[in-house]
Amino acid sequence: MNFLYRKVIPRVETKANLGDILEKEVDDYFYIKDNELINWQYYKGAKAEVRVTKSGYSYAYKEGGIAYPDRLDRTLDGLF
């Protein structure tokens, strides 16, 4: 049995906060409009509701919420 050994140097990656990597100047297209805000709050919020399939079967749907607005002082891996 042959083995191959190699000396490796670990790569060190620094973690950046979300706020550090966001672009500061963006087009208004990327901002949430006032009339869309209520939808965003619903989509990112926790849910516990009864849903009905096309065939009429009802079931309990639950999902946890996601921080809204996103925390700019946290690293991306700390957001999830």
PDB file of N, CA and C in Angstrom:
ATOM      1  N   MET A   1       0.846  -1.175   0.000  1.00  0.00           N
ATOM      2  CA  MET A   1       0.000   0.000   0.000  1.00  0.00           C
ATOM      3  C   MET A   1       0.891   1.237   0.000  1.00  0.00           C
ATOM      4  N   ASN A   2       0.652   2.152  -0.907  1.00  0.00           N
ATOM      5  CA  ASN A   2       1.439   3.380  -0.997  1.00  0.00           C
ATOM      6  C   ASN A   2       0.672   4.544  -0.390  1.00  0.00           C
ATOM      7  N   PHE A   3       1.395   5.399   0.300  1.00  0.00           N
ATOM      8  CA  PHE A   3       0.796   6.593   0.890  1.00  0.00           C
ATOM      9  C   PHE A   3       1.505   7.816   0.346  1.00  0.00           C
ATOM     10  N   LEU A   4       0.761   8.860   0.142  1.00  0.00           N
ATOM     11  CA  LEU A   4       1.329  10.113  -0.327  1.00  0.00           C
ATOM     12  C   LEU A   4       1.196  11.138   0.795  1.00  0.00           C
ATOM     13  N   TYR A   5       2.277  11.738   1.179  1.00  0.00           N
ATOM     14  CA  TYR A   5       2.268  12.761   2.226  1.00  0.00           C
ATOM     15  C   TYR A   5       2.645  14.088   1.612  1.00  0.00           C
ATOM     16  N   ARG A   6       1.972  15.119   2.057  1.00  0.00           N
ATOM     17  CA  ARG A   6       2.280  16.450   1.543  1.00  0.00           C
ATOM     18  C   ARG A   6       2.103  17.454   2.675  1.00  0.00           C
ATOM     19  N   LYS A   7       3.039  18.369   2.771  1.00  0.00           N
ATOM     20  CA  LYS A   7       2.929  19.432   3.764  1.00  0.00           C
ATOM     21  C   LYS A   7       1.998  20.501   3.196  1.00  0.00           C
ATOM     22  N   VAL A   8       0.996  20.873   3.971  1.00  0.00           N
ATOM     23  CA  VAL A   8       0.038  21.878   3.515  1.00  0.00           C
ATOM     24  C   VAL A   8       0.021  23.052   4.487  1.00  0.00           C
ATOM     25  N   ILE A   9      -0.327  24.182   3.965  1.00  0.00           N
ATOM     26  CA  ILE A   9      -0.459  25.389   4.777  1.00  0.00           C
ATOM     27  C   ILE A   9      -1.944  25.729   4.837  1.00  0.00           C
ATOM     28  N   PRO A  10      -2.519  25.815   6.049  1.00  0.00           N
ATOM     29  CA  PRO A  10      -3.956  26.118   6.139  1.00  0.00           C
ATOM     30  C   PRO A  10      -4.266  27.521   5.641  1.00  0.00           C
ATOM     31  N   ARG A  11      -5.384  27.629   4.982  1.00  0.00           N
ATOM     32  CA  ARG A  11      -5.834  28.931   4.497  1.00  0.00           C
ATOM     33  C   ARG A  11      -6.697  29.564   5.591  1.00  0.00           C
ATOM     34  N   VAL A  12      -6.346  30.771   5.980  1.00  0.00           N
ATOM     35  CA  VAL A  12      -7.090  31.476   7.017  1.00  0.00           C
ATOM     36  C   VAL A  12      -8.019  32.473   6.340  1.00  0.00           C
ATOM     37  N   GLU A  13      -9.304  32.334   6.607  1.00  0.00           N
ATOM     38  CA  GLU A  13     -10.282  33.242   6.017  1.00  0.00           C
ATOM     39  C   GLU A  13     -10.845  34.143   7.098  1.00  0.00           C
ATOM     40  N   THR A  14     -10.879  35.416   6.826  1.00  0.00           N
ATOM     41  CA  THR A  14     -11.483  36.339   7.775  1.00  0.00           C
ATOM     42  C   THR A  14     -12.971  36.438   7.474  1.00  0.00           C
ATOM     43  N   LYS A  15     -13.737  36.643   8.501  1.00  0.00           N
ATOM     44  CA  LYS A  15     -15.182  36.750   8.336  1.00  0.00           C
ATOM     45  C   LYS A  15     -15.589  38.211   8.390  1.00  0.00           C
ATOM     46  N   ALA A  16     -16.420  38.598   7.451  1.00  0.00           N
ATOM     47  CA  ALA A  16     -16.894  39.972   7.378  1.00  0.00           C
ATOM     48  C   ALA A  16     -18.354  40.031   7.808  1.00  0.00           C
ATOM     49  N   ASN A  17     -18.723  41.135   8.408  1.00  0.00           N
ATOM     50  CA  ASN A  17     -20.129  41.366   8.733  1.00  0.00           C
ATOM     51  C   ASN A  17     -20.888  41.676   7.454  1.00  0.00           C
ATOM     52  N   LEU A  18     -22.168  41.378   7.472  1.00  0.00           N
ATOM     53  CA  LEU A  18     -23.005  41.650   6.311  1.00  0.00           C
ATOM     54  C   LEU A  18     -22.929  43.134   5.923  1.00  0.00           C
ATOM     55  N   GLY A  19     -22.944  44.021   6.898  1.00  0.00           N
ATOM     56  CA  GLY A  19     -22.884  45.453   6.623  1.00  0.00           C
ATOM     57  C   GLY A  19     -21.592  45.887   5.963  1.00  0.00           C
ATOM     58  N   ASP A  20     -20.513  45.118   6.170  1.00  0.00           N
ATOM     59  CA  ASP A  20     -19.219  45.462   5.579  1.00  0.00           C
ATOM     60  C   ASP A  20     -19.165  45.182   4.089  1.00  0.00           C
ATOM     61  N   ILE A  21     -19.980  44.258   3.602  1.00  0.00           N
ATOM     62  CA  ILE A  21     -19.872  43.862   2.197  1.00  0.00           C
ATOM     63  C   ILE A  21     -21.014  44.382   1.328  1.00  0.00           C
ATOM     64  N   LEU A  22     -22.013  45.001   1.943  1.00  0.00           N
ATOM     65  CA  LEU A  22     -23.115  45.548   1.147  1.00  0.00           C
ATOM     66  C   LEU A  22     -22.672  46.799   0.404  1.00  0.00           C
ATOM     67  N   GLU A  23     -23.180  46.949  -0.782  1.00  0.00           N
ATOM     68  CA  GLU A  23     -22.894  48.164  -1.535  1.00  0.00           C
ATOM     69  C   GLU A  23     -23.645  49.324  -0.908  1.00  0.00           C
ATOM     70  N   LYS A  24     -22.990  50.462  -0.824  1.00  0.00           N
ATOM     71  CA  LYS A  24     -23.598  51.640  -0.172  1.00  0.00           C
ATOM     72  C   LYS A  24     -24.511  52.411  -1.120  1.00  0.00           C
ATOM     73  N   GLU A  25     -24.158  52.453  -2.379  1.00  0.00           N
ATOM     74  CA  GLU A  25     -24.932  53.198  -3.378  1.00  0.00           C
ATOM     75  C   GLU A  25     -25.604  52.204  -4.319  1.00  0.00           C
ATOM     76  N   VAL A  26     -26.916  52.059  -4.199  1.00  0.00           N
ATOM     77  CA  VAL A  26     -27.648  51.165  -5.088  1.00  0.00           C
ATOM     78  C   VAL A  26     -28.858  51.896  -5.655  1.00  0.00           C
ATOM     79  N   ASP A  27     -29.345  51.389  -6.765  1.00  0.00           N
ATOM     80  CA  ASP A  27     -30.496  51.963  -7.434  1.00  0.00           C
ATOM     81  C   ASP A  27     -31.759  51.772  -6.580  1.00  0.00           C
ATOM     82  N   ASP A  28     -32.706  52.674  -6.686  1.00  0.00           N
ATOM     83  CA  ASP A  28     -33.964  52.587  -5.938  1.00  0.00           C
ATOM     84  C   ASP A  28     -34.725  51.294  -6.227  1.00  0.00           C
ATOM     85  N   TYR A  29     -34.451  50.672  -7.361  1.00  0.00           N
ATOM     86  CA  TYR A  29     -35.090  49.412  -7.730  1.00  0.00           C
ATOM     87  C   TYR A  29     -34.904  48.349  -6.647  1.00  0.00           C
ATOM     88  N   PHE A  30     -33.780  48.390  -5.925  1.00  0.00           N
ATOM     89  CA  PHE A  30     -33.450  47.371  -4.936  1.00  0.00           C
ATOM     90  C   PHE A  30     -34.034  47.643  -3.560  1.00  0.00           C
ATOM     91  N   TYR A  31     -34.698  48.760  -3.373  1.00  0.00           N
ATOM     92  CA  TYR A  31     -35.325  49.076  -2.090  1.00  0.00           C
ATOM     93  C   TYR A  31     -36.755  48.557  -2.063  1.00  0.00           C
ATOM     94  N   ILE A  32     -37.198  48.147  -0.890  1.00  0.00           N
ATOM     95  CA  ILE A  32     -38.578  47.669  -0.746  1.00  0.00           C
ATOM     96  C   ILE A  32     -39.501  48.874  -0.713  1.00  0.00           C
ATOM     97  N   LYS A  33     -40.503  48.843  -1.546  1.00  0.00           N
ATOM     98  CA  LYS A  33     -41.465  49.948  -1.602  1.00  0.00           C
ATOM     99  C   LYS A  33     -42.441  49.834  -0.441  1.00  0.00           C
ATOM    100  N   ASP A  34     -42.979  50.964  -0.010  1.00  0.00           N
ATOM    101  CA  ASP A  34     -43.876  50.992   1.142  1.00  0.00           C
ATOM    102  C   ASP A  34     -45.056  50.036   0.988  1.00  0.00           C
ATOM    103  N   ASN A  35     -45.616  49.952  -0.216  1.00  0.00           N
ATOM    104  CA  ASN A  35     -46.775  49.080  -0.413  1.00  0.00           C
ATOM    105  C   ASN A  35     -46.400  47.596  -0.450  1.00  0.00           C
ATOM    106  N   GLU A  36     -45.118  47.255  -0.514  1.00  0.00           N
ATOM    107  CA  GLU A  36     -44.659  45.869  -0.506  1.00  0.00           C
ATOM    108  C   GLU A  36     -44.152  45.429   0.867  1.00  0.00           C
ATOM    109  N   LEU A  37     -44.021  46.358   1.795  1.00  0.00           N
ATOM    110  CA  LEU A  37     -43.430  46.073   3.098  1.00  0.00           C
ATOM    111  C   LEU A  37     -44.213  45.024   3.874  1.00  0.00           C
ATOM    112  N   ILE A  38     -45.523  45.101   3.857  1.00  0.00           N
ATOM    113  CA  ILE A  38     -46.348  44.153   4.604  1.00  0.00           C
ATOM    114  C   ILE A  38     -46.118  42.724   4.101  1.00  0.00           C
ATOM    115  N   ASN A  39     -45.927  42.550   2.783  1.00  0.00           N
ATOM    116  CA  ASN A  39     -45.639  41.226   2.224  1.00  0.00           C
ATOM    117  C   ASN A  39     -44.293  40.704   2.703  1.00  0.00           C
ATOM    118  N   TRP A  40     -43.280  41.561   2.708  1.00  0.00           N
ATOM    119  CA  TRP A  40     -41.957  41.150   3.171  1.00  0.00           C
ATOM    120  C   TRP A  40     -42.000  40.721   4.632  1.00  0.00           C
ATOM    121  N   GLN A  41     -42.732  41.443   5.438  1.00  0.00           N
ATOM    122  CA  GLN A  41     -42.832  41.091   6.857  1.00  0.00           C
ATOM    123  C   GLN A  41     -43.510  39.729   7.018  1.00  0.00           C
ATOM    124  N   TYR A  42     -44.510  39.449   6.206  1.00  0.00           N
ATOM    125  CA  TYR A  42     -45.180  38.149   6.248  1.00  0.00           C
ATOM    126  C   TYR A  42     -44.228  37.042   5.793  1.00  0.00           C
ATOM    127  N   TYR A  43     -43.561  37.230   4.653  1.00  0.00           N
ATOM    128  CA  TYR A  43     -42.689  36.199   4.100  1.00  0.00           C
ATOM    129  C   TYR A  43     -41.566  35.835   5.062  1.00  0.00           C
ATOM    130  N   LYS A  44     -41.016  36.814   5.757  1.00  0.00           N
ATOM    131  CA  LYS A  44     -39.885  36.551   6.645  1.00  0.00           C
ATOM    132  C   LYS A  44     -40.318  36.215   8.070  1.00  0.00           C
ATOM    133  N   GLY A  45     -41.573  36.387   8.398  1.00  0.00           N
ATOM    134  CA  GLY A  45     -42.059  36.139   9.749  1.00  0.00           C
ATOM    135  C   GLY A  45     -42.392  34.678  10.000  1.00  0.00           C
ATOM    136  N   ALA A  46     -42.538  34.329  11.283  1.00  0.00           N
ATOM    137  CA  ALA A  46     -42.932  32.971  11.659  1.00  0.00           C
ATOM    138  C   ALA A  46     -44.379  32.726  11.227  1.00  0.00           C
ATOM    139  N   LYS A  47     -44.661  31.472  10.869  1.00  0.00           N
ATOM    140  CA  LYS A  47     -46.004  31.133  10.411  1.00  0.00           C
ATOM    141  C   LYS A  47     -46.490  29.871  11.107  1.00  0.00           C
ATOM    142  N   ALA A  48     -47.746  29.862  11.460  1.00  0.00           N
ATOM    143  CA  ALA A  48     -48.449  28.687  11.976  1.00  0.00           C
ATOM    144  C   ALA A  48     -49.875  28.833  11.479  1.00  0.00           C
ATOM    145  N   GLU A  49     -50.161  28.198  10.359  1.00  0.00           N
ATOM    146  CA  GLU A  49     -51.462  28.389   9.727  1.00  0.00           C
ATOM    147  C   GLU A  49     -51.947  27.085   9.100  1.00  0.00           C
ATOM    148  N   VAL A  50     -53.214  27.027   8.856  1.00  0.00           N
ATOM    149  CA  VAL A  50     -53.808  25.873   8.178  1.00  0.00           C
ATOM    150  C   VAL A  50     -53.838  26.184   6.693  1.00  0.00           C
ATOM    151  N   ARG A  51     -53.342  25.246   5.898  1.00  0.00           N
ATOM    152  CA  ARG A  51     -53.365  25.396   4.446  1.00  0.00           C
ATOM    153  C   ARG A  51     -54.185  24.265   3.853  1.00  0.00           C
ATOM    154  N   VAL A  52     -54.696  24.506   2.651  1.00  0.00           N
ATOM    155  CA  VAL A  52     -55.550  23.524   1.986  1.00  0.00           C
ATOM    156  C   VAL A  52     -54.973  23.235   0.598  1.00  0.00           C
ATOM    157  N   THR A  53     -54.836  21.939   0.277  1.00  0.00           N
ATOM    158  CA  THR A  53     -54.337  21.546  -1.034  1.00  0.00           C
ATOM    159  C   THR A  53     -55.428  21.718  -2.086  1.00  0.00           C
ATOM    160  N   LYS A  54     -55.069  21.574  -3.353  1.00  0.00           N
ATOM    161  CA  LYS A  54     -56.043  21.682  -4.436  1.00  0.00           C
ATOM    162  C   LYS A  54     -57.138  20.632  -4.323  1.00  0.00           C
ATOM    163  N   SER A  55     -56.796  19.500  -3.740  1.00  0.00           N
ATOM    164  CA  SER A  55     -57.791  18.427  -3.607  1.00  0.00           C
ATOM    165  C   SER A  55     -58.648  18.577  -2.346  1.00  0.00           C
ATOM    166  N   GLY A  56     -58.405  19.644  -1.563  1.00  0.00           N
ATOM    167  CA  GLY A  56     -59.241  19.910  -0.396  1.00  0.00           C
ATOM    168  C   GLY A  56     -58.690  19.398   0.922  1.00  0.00           C
ATOM    169  N   TYR A  57     -57.537  18.758   0.916  1.00  0.00           N
ATOM    170  CA  TYR A  57     -56.931  18.262   2.149  1.00  0.00           C
ATOM    171  C   TYR A  57     -56.326  19.433   2.914  1.00  0.00           C
ATOM    172  N   SER A  58     -56.669  19.571   4.192  1.00  0.00           N
ATOM    173  CA  SER A  58     -56.104  20.657   4.997  1.00  0.00           C
ATOM    174  C   SER A  58     -55.026  20.093   5.919  1.00  0.00           C
ATOM    175  N   TYR A  59     -54.008  20.909   6.151  1.00  0.00           N
ATOM    176  CA  TYR A  59     -52.880  20.498   6.983  1.00  0.00           C
ATOM    177  C   TYR A  59     -52.316  21.717   7.713  1.00  0.00           C
ATOM    178  N   ALA A  60     -51.602  21.457   8.803  1.00  0.00           N
ATOM    179  CA  ALA A  60     -50.971  22.526   9.585  1.00  0.00           C
ATOM    180  C   ALA A  60     -49.609  22.832   8.979  1.00  0.00           C
ATOM    181  N   TYR A  61     -49.382  24.090   8.661  1.00  0.00           N
ATOM    182  CA  TYR A  61     -48.099  24.533   8.110  1.00  0.00           C
ATOM    183  C   TYR A  61     -47.426  25.416   9.140  1.00  0.00           C
ATOM    184  N   LYS A  62     -46.168  25.116   9.459  1.00  0.00           N
ATOM    185  CA  LYS A  62     -45.420  25.926  10.419  1.00  0.00           C
ATOM    186  C   LYS A  62     -44.009  26.147   9.901  1.00  0.00           C
ATOM    187  N   GLU A  63     -43.503  27.354  10.128  1.00  0.00           N
ATOM    188  CA  GLU A  63     -42.102  27.639   9.831  1.00  0.00           C
ATOM    189  C   GLU A  63     -41.644  28.760  10.747  1.00  0.00           C
ATOM    190  N   GLY A  64     -40.375  28.739  11.078  1.00  0.00           N
ATOM    191  CA  GLY A  64     -39.806  29.768  11.935  1.00  0.00           C
ATOM    192  C   GLY A  64     -39.525  31.038  11.165  1.00  0.00           C
ATOM    193  N   GLY A  65     -39.424  32.124  11.881  1.00  0.00           N
ATOM    194  CA  GLY A  65     -39.169  33.408  11.254  1.00  0.00           C
ATOM    195  C   GLY A  65     -37.695  33.627  10.946  1.00  0.00           C
ATOM    196  N   ILE A  66     -37.448  34.571  10.071  1.00  0.00           N
ATOM    197  CA  ILE A  66     -36.101  35.003   9.711  1.00  0.00           C
ATOM    198  C   ILE A  66     -35.999  36.463  10.125  1.00  0.00           C
ATOM    199  N   ALA A  67     -34.874  36.855  10.659  1.00  0.00           N
ATOM    200  CA  ALA A  67     -34.698  38.233  11.118  1.00  0.00           C
ATOM    201  C   ALA A  67     -35.021  39.216   9.991  1.00  0.00           C
ATOM    202  N   TYR A  68     -35.813  40.196  10.320  1.00  0.00           N
ATOM    203  CA  TYR A  68     -36.141  41.245   9.341  1.00  0.00           C
ATOM    204  C   TYR A  68     -36.203  42.570  10.067  1.00  0.00           C
ATOM    205  N   PRO A  69     -35.463  43.539   9.655  1.00  0.00           N
ATOM    206  CA  PRO A  69     -34.497  43.491   8.552  1.00  0.00           C
ATOM    207  C   PRO A  69     -33.264  42.684   8.953  1.00  0.00           C
ATOM    208  N   ASP A  70     -32.464  42.296   7.950  1.00  0.00           N
ATOM    209  CA  ASP A  70     -31.270  41.500   8.209  1.00  0.00           C
ATOM    210  C   ASP A  70     -30.324  42.260   9.133  1.00  0.00           C
ATOM    211  N   ARG A  71     -29.680  41.527  10.037  1.00  0.00           N
ATOM    212  CA  ARG A  71     -28.737  42.135  10.977  1.00  0.00           C
ATOM    213  C   ARG A  71     -27.440  42.432  10.236  1.00  0.00           C
ATOM    214  N   LEU A  72     -27.042  43.678  10.210  1.00  0.00           N
ATOM    215  CA  LEU A  72     -25.839  44.083   9.486  1.00  0.00           C
ATOM    216  C   LEU A  72     -24.580  43.908  10.322  1.00  0.00           C
ATOM    217  N   ASP A  73     -24.744  43.659  11.618  1.00  0.00           N
ATOM    218  CA  ASP A  73     -23.589  43.528  12.504  1.00  0.00           C
ATOM    219  C   ASP A  73     -23.203  42.080  12.760  1.00  0.00           C
ATOM    220  N   ARG A  74     -23.710  41.151  11.978  1.00  0.00           N
ATOM    221  CA  ARG A  74     -23.421  39.725  12.152  1.00  0.00           C
ATOM    222  C   ARG A  74     -22.745  39.188  10.899  1.00  0.00           C
ATOM    223  N   THR A  75     -21.928  38.165  11.090  1.00  0.00           N
ATOM    224  CA  THR A  75     -21.315  37.504   9.934  1.00  0.00           C
ATOM    225  C   THR A  75     -22.398  36.694   9.224  1.00  0.00           C
ATOM    226  N   LEU A  76     -22.166  36.383   7.971  1.00  0.00           N
ATOM    227  CA  LEU A  76     -23.177  35.654   7.209  1.00  0.00           C
ATOM    228  C   LEU A  76     -23.449  34.286   7.801  1.00  0.00           C
ATOM    229  N   ASP A  77     -22.430  33.586   8.307  1.00  0.00           N
ATOM    230  CA  ASP A  77     -22.682  32.269   8.882  1.00  0.00           C
ATOM    231  C   ASP A  77     -23.387  32.384  10.236  1.00  0.00           C
ATOM    232  N   GLY A  78     -23.343  33.546  10.861  1.00  0.00           N
ATOM    233  CA  GLY A  78     -24.054  33.751  12.120  1.00  0.00           C
ATOM    234  C   GLY A  78     -25.514  34.106  11.950  1.00  0.00           C
ATOM    235  N   LEU A  79     -25.927  34.326  10.712  1.00  0.00           N
ATOM    236  CA  LEU A  79     -27.320  34.702  10.464  1.00  0.00           C
ATOM    237  C   LEU A  79     -28.238  33.494  10.388  1.00  0.00           C
ATOM    238  N   PHE A  80     -27.662  32.318  10.177  1.00  0.00           N
ATOM    239  CA  PHE A  80     -28.492  31.138   9.959  1.00  0.00           C
ATOM    240  C   PHE A  80     -28.325  30.142  11.067  1.00  0.00           C
TER     241      PHE A  80
END
